[in-house]
Amino acid sequence: MKNILKKIVTKFNSVSENPTLNYLEDGKISLNLALKEQNLEDIFQTLSSIISDLTNQETDNDYSHPFYQLKVRSHHAFQVKFFLNLLRKFDKKEIIVMDIGDSAGTHMTYFKTIARGLGFHLKTFSVNLDAAAVEKIRMKGLDAYQCRAEDIKNVAGVEPDIIVSFQMVEHLHDPCSFLRSIAKYMKTEHIFITVPFLETSRVGLHSIRKNISGAITAEQEHIFELNPEDWKLLFLHSGWKVLQEEIYYQYPLAQKNKYKKMWLEYDYEGFWGVHLYRDLEISDRYTAWGELQ
């Protein structure tokens, strides 16, 4: 996710000079209308009762501003609702879930709390390269491992029923090898991924585009920002087929013309969620996986 708060607030501070550019208020209205249109209001309130403050959701981004609290939790509502629909498809009640790229243990806390009320018991594991993120997760009483996503197959003894990964694969230099390694070397058959939704694929690397100086962390940089069709090709190539997909829009489709341009300028118009099932038929035709074989 882009760290756009500084850019937004800078423009918001000039609202008095141009009262038509009230993006804080327009963004708030857009998100609330989107929640209602996409039937996410109830789950939004449930999540708010479980974790009231999302200020420290990510290491490199400050989410203390009320606009960001609304924005991030709205997105979470979409992710949690999708995950719960996936969970209900399982016959067994003891489910192991791994979150690759977990930044604070937020989703694992949501999942464990809500799943308990549905009669499920979740055993969760979180993975992140960032030591600060791992510490935040462990402070919530959750299991967490510090390692690269690409090395997840080497986390001994963990064979999750479901892997989730939210806004992570676009940060990887090689998402294909990451996904192939899970399909080939782990028993996991189900992955739930969300990525920014774009209609036209592009290389991210926004730090280079904007000539940003200084160190750039993995959390701050997107490598590939692809549209759903291109992601689907990479998934099939890497050993995964799509069972279910859904787009969450940060604006109401009934007022698309009013809000879409604003979101495209400052963030993304939405996020794409996809439930993947392991299928190596196409992936195994490729003969150059190298050390992954």
Foldseek 3Di string as FASTA:
>chain_A
DAQQPVVLVVVCVCCVVPVVSNCLVVLVVFQVQLCVQVVLVVLLVVLCVQPVDCQPQAPVHGQRDPSSVSVVSSQVSVVLVVVVVVVVVDPDQEFEEEEEARQALSSVSSCQVVSVVVRHHYQYEYEEQDPVSCVNNVVVVHHYDHDHLLCVLVPPPDAGQEYEYEQQLQLDPCSLSSLLLCLPRGPHFKYKYKHFADPAKDAWQVCVVVVPDDDDDSVNTGGIRHHPVVVQVSQLLNFKHFDDKDKRFSGDPVPCVPPQVVCVVRHGRTMMMTMIGGGCPNNVVDDPSPPSD
